[in-house]
């Protein structure tokens, strides 16, 4: 069994890649929190909640790609 000794800066590259993924997730959650209906779950039926969740994702994607503007 051979030991793996990292080169200089190898760990820093991994951290920046993970931070980029984390930023995408944080942005998508912040977009969804603009919809109060999702933030505070008023819907009793899971089908209604899921339908509005899909609507919110579509709306957020349209805003990002500037289709809706």
C-alpha atoms as a PDB file:
ATOM      1  CA  UNK A   1       0.000   0.000   0.000  1.00  0.00           C
ATOM      2  CA  UNK A   2       1.388   3.386  -1.035  1.00  0.00           C
ATOM      3  CA  UNK A   3       0.811   6.649   0.773  1.00  0.00           C
ATOM      4  CA  UNK A   4      -0.673   9.562  -1.133  1.00  0.00           C
ATOM      5  CA  UNK A   5       1.120  12.794  -0.340  1.00  0.00           C
ATOM      6  CA  UNK A   6      -0.673  15.819  -1.713  1.00  0.00           C
ATOM      7  CA  UNK A   7       1.088  18.442  -3.743  1.00  0.00           C
ATOM      8  CA  UNK A   8       1.000  22.067  -2.702  1.00  0.00           C
ATOM      9  CA  UNK A   9      -2.333  23.665  -3.430  1.00  0.00           C
ATOM     10  CA  UNK A  10      -4.116  20.378  -4.122  1.00  0.00           C
ATOM     11  CA  UNK A  11      -6.377  20.718  -1.089  1.00  0.00           C
ATOM     12  CA  UNK A  12      -7.118  24.369  -1.868  1.00  0.00           C
ATOM     13  CA  UNK A  13      -8.458  23.372  -5.295  1.00  0.00           C
ATOM     14  CA  UNK A  14     -10.844  20.856  -3.723  1.00  0.00           C
ATOM     15  CA  UNK A  15     -12.120  23.433  -1.235  1.00  0.00           C
ATOM     16  CA  UNK A  16     -12.858  26.010  -3.952  1.00  0.00           C
ATOM     17  CA  UNK A  17     -14.741  23.399  -6.007  1.00  0.00           C
ATOM     18  CA  UNK A  18     -16.865  22.460  -2.991  1.00  0.00           C
ATOM     19  CA  UNK A  19     -17.494  26.121  -2.196  1.00  0.00           C
ATOM     20  CA  UNK A  20     -18.781  26.681  -5.734  1.00  0.00           C
ATOM     21  CA  UNK A  21     -21.254  23.819  -5.398  1.00  0.00           C
ATOM     22  CA  UNK A  22     -22.353  25.121  -2.023  1.00  0.00           C
ATOM     23  CA  UNK A  23     -23.000  28.584  -3.468  1.00  0.00           C
ATOM     24  CA  UNK A  24     -25.333  27.129  -6.116  1.00  0.00           C
ATOM     25  CA  UNK A  25     -27.341  25.292  -3.461  1.00  0.00           C
ATOM     26  CA  UNK A  26     -27.516  28.399  -1.246  1.00  0.00           C
ATOM     27  CA  UNK A  27     -28.733  30.531  -4.149  1.00  0.00           C
ATOM     28  CA  UNK A  28     -31.461  28.065  -5.075  1.00  0.00           C
ATOM     29  CA  UNK A  29     -32.651  27.886  -1.465  1.00  0.00           C
ATOM     30  CA  UNK A  30     -32.738  31.674  -1.208  1.00  0.00           C
ATOM     31  CA  UNK A  31     -34.823  31.839  -4.404  1.00  0.00           C
ATOM     32  CA  UNK A  32     -37.301  29.383  -2.927  1.00  0.00           C
ATOM     33  CA  UNK A  33     -37.518  31.292   0.346  1.00  0.00           C
ATOM     34  CA  UNK A  34     -38.907  34.274  -1.550  1.00  0.00           C
ATOM     35  CA  UNK A  35     -42.125  32.291  -1.810  1.00  0.00           C
ATOM     36  CA  UNK A  36     -43.733  32.605   1.589  1.00  0.00           C
ATOM     37  CA  UNK A  37     -46.090  29.756   0.805  1.00  0.00           C
ATOM     38  CA  UNK A  38     -43.073  27.413   0.676  1.00  0.00           C
ATOM     39  CA  UNK A  39     -41.222  28.965   3.580  1.00  0.00           C
ATOM     40  CA  UNK A  40     -44.200  28.548   5.897  1.00  0.00           C
ATOM     41  CA  UNK A  41     -45.961  25.412   4.759  1.00  0.00           C
ATOM     42  CA  UNK A  42     -49.634  26.333   4.643  1.00  0.00           C
ATOM     43  CA  UNK A  43     -50.694  23.482   2.363  1.00  0.00           C
ATOM     44  CA  UNK A  44     -52.116  20.445   4.122  1.00  0.00           C
ATOM     45  CA  UNK A  45     -51.986  18.129   1.116  1.00  0.00           C
ATOM     46  CA  UNK A  46     -48.556  17.076  -0.138  1.00  0.00           C
ATOM     47  CA  UNK A  47     -49.707  17.250  -3.784  1.00  0.00           C
ATOM     48  CA  UNK A  48     -50.442  20.970  -3.472  1.00  0.00           C
ATOM     49  CA  UNK A  49     -47.102  21.652  -1.798  1.00  0.00           C
ATOM     50  CA  UNK A  50     -45.230  19.688  -4.456  1.00  0.00           C
ATOM     51  CA  UNK A  51     -47.079  21.456  -7.273  1.00  0.00           C
ATOM     52  CA  UNK A  52     -46.205  24.886  -5.892  1.00  0.00           C
ATOM     53  CA  UNK A  53     -42.619  23.763  -5.327  1.00  0.00           C
ATOM     54  CA  UNK A  54     -42.368  22.858  -9.025  1.00  0.00           C
ATOM     55  CA  UNK A  55     -43.923  26.192  -9.948  1.00  0.00           C
ATOM     56  CA  UNK A  56     -41.388  28.036  -7.781  1.00  0.00           C
ATOM     57  CA  UNK A  57     -38.460  26.200  -9.397  1.00  0.00           C
ATOM     58  CA  UNK A  58     -39.799  26.994 -12.884  1.00  0.00           C
ATOM     59  CA  UNK A  59     -40.288  30.624 -11.945  1.00  0.00           C
ATOM     60  CA  UNK A  60     -36.764  30.864 -10.508  1.00  0.00           C
ATOM     61  CA  UNK A  61     -35.254  29.223 -13.615  1.00  0.00           C
ATOM     62  CA  UNK A  62     -37.130  31.627 -15.885  1.00  0.00           C
ATOM     63  CA  UNK A  63     -35.838  34.590 -13.891  1.00  0.00           C
ATOM     64  CA  UNK A  64     -32.273  33.317 -14.055  1.00  0.00           C
ATOM     65  CA  UNK A  65     -32.380  32.705 -17.805  1.00  0.00           C
ATOM     66  CA  UNK A  66     -34.283  35.986 -18.362  1.00  0.00           C
ATOM     67  CA  UNK A  67     -37.106  34.269 -20.228  1.00  0.00           C
ATOM     68  CA  UNK A  68     -39.763  35.892 -18.090  1.00  0.00           C
ATOM     69  CA  UNK A  69     -38.340  39.432 -18.384  1.00  0.00           C
END
